[in-house]
């Protein structure tokens, strides 16, 4: 049985994103970690590029991802 090593940006890409506060939604096409932003212990910040069908250009957002326990 093969073991696969995944990283968080790869897991985020292709997923559906919906923000209730900014009224953005679409598919995540790119994600990268932002180590300069701190959300708390066991969390990492990622900037994501969201391809939305409602706008002519892509939108960007920063999200927090829980890592560890």
Protein backbone atom coordinates (compact mmCIF):
# COMPACT_ATOMS: atom_id res chain seq x y z
CA UNK A 1 0.00 0.00 0.00
CA UNK A 2 1.44 3.33 -1.04
CA UNK A 3 1.43 6.29 1.30
CA UNK A 4 0.86 9.71 -0.12
CA UNK A 5 2.19 12.90 1.37
CA UNK A 6 -0.15 15.82 0.88
CA UNK A 7 0.39 19.46 1.64
CA UNK A 8 -2.36 21.91 2.56
CA UNK A 9 -2.22 24.07 -0.61
CA UNK A 10 -2.70 20.96 -2.76
CA UNK A 11 -5.67 19.90 -0.66
CA UNK A 12 -7.27 23.37 -0.88
CA UNK A 13 -6.97 23.74 -4.66
CA UNK A 14 -10.08 22.65 -6.50
CA UNK A 15 -12.31 22.98 -3.43
CA UNK A 16 -15.37 25.22 -3.31
CA UNK A 17 -15.01 28.40 -1.21
CA UNK A 18 -17.87 30.51 0.09
CA UNK A 19 -17.57 33.62 2.25
CA UNK A 20 -20.74 34.81 3.94
CA UNK A 21 -19.22 38.12 5.04
CA UNK A 22 -17.74 39.12 1.66
CA UNK A 23 -20.38 37.40 -0.50
CA UNK A 24 -17.68 35.66 -2.55
CA UNK A 25 -17.92 32.11 -3.76
CA UNK A 26 -16.14 29.99 -6.30
CA UNK A 27 -13.40 27.44 -6.80
CA UNK A 28 -9.98 27.79 -5.17
CA UNK A 29 -7.40 27.81 -7.97
CA UNK A 30 -4.28 28.69 -5.93
CA UNK A 31 -3.24 28.64 -2.28
CA UNK A 32 -0.03 29.55 -0.49
CA UNK A 33 0.94 29.84 3.15
CA UNK A 34 1.32 33.27 4.79
CA UNK A 35 3.65 32.76 7.77
CA UNK A 36 3.62 36.48 8.63
CA UNK A 37 -0.03 36.26 9.75
CA UNK A 38 -0.79 34.61 13.09
CA UNK A 39 -4.29 33.33 13.92
CA UNK A 40 -3.36 31.44 17.08
CA UNK A 41 -1.82 28.19 18.13
CA UNK A 42 -2.26 25.19 15.82
CA UNK A 43 -3.48 27.36 12.94
CA UNK A 44 -1.81 28.54 9.76
CA UNK A 45 -2.85 31.37 7.45
CA UNK A 46 -3.22 30.80 3.71
CA UNK A 47 -3.98 33.23 0.94
CA UNK A 48 -6.29 31.73 -1.66
CA UNK A 49 -7.20 32.78 -5.18
CA UNK A 50 -10.87 32.15 -5.92
CA UNK A 51 -12.27 31.92 -9.44
CA UNK A 52 -15.80 33.29 -9.26
CA UNK A 53 -18.31 33.05 -12.07
CA UNK A 54 -19.92 36.36 -11.05
CA UNK A 55 -16.82 38.55 -11.55
CA UNK A 56 -14.50 39.09 -14.49
CA UNK A 57 -11.40 38.79 -12.32
CA UNK A 58 -10.36 36.36 -9.60
CA UNK A 59 -10.81 37.29 -5.94
CA UNK A 60 -8.34 36.77 -3.10
CA UNK A 61 -8.93 35.93 0.55
CA UNK A 62 -6.90 34.92 3.59
CA UNK A 63 -8.15 31.92 5.51
CA UNK A 64 -7.11 30.13 8.70
CA UNK A 65 -6.49 26.38 8.60
CA UNK A 66 -6.30 24.34 11.81
CA UNK A 67 -3.28 22.05 11.95
CA UNK A 68 -2.62 19.64 14.76
CA UNK A 69 -4.74 19.26 17.87
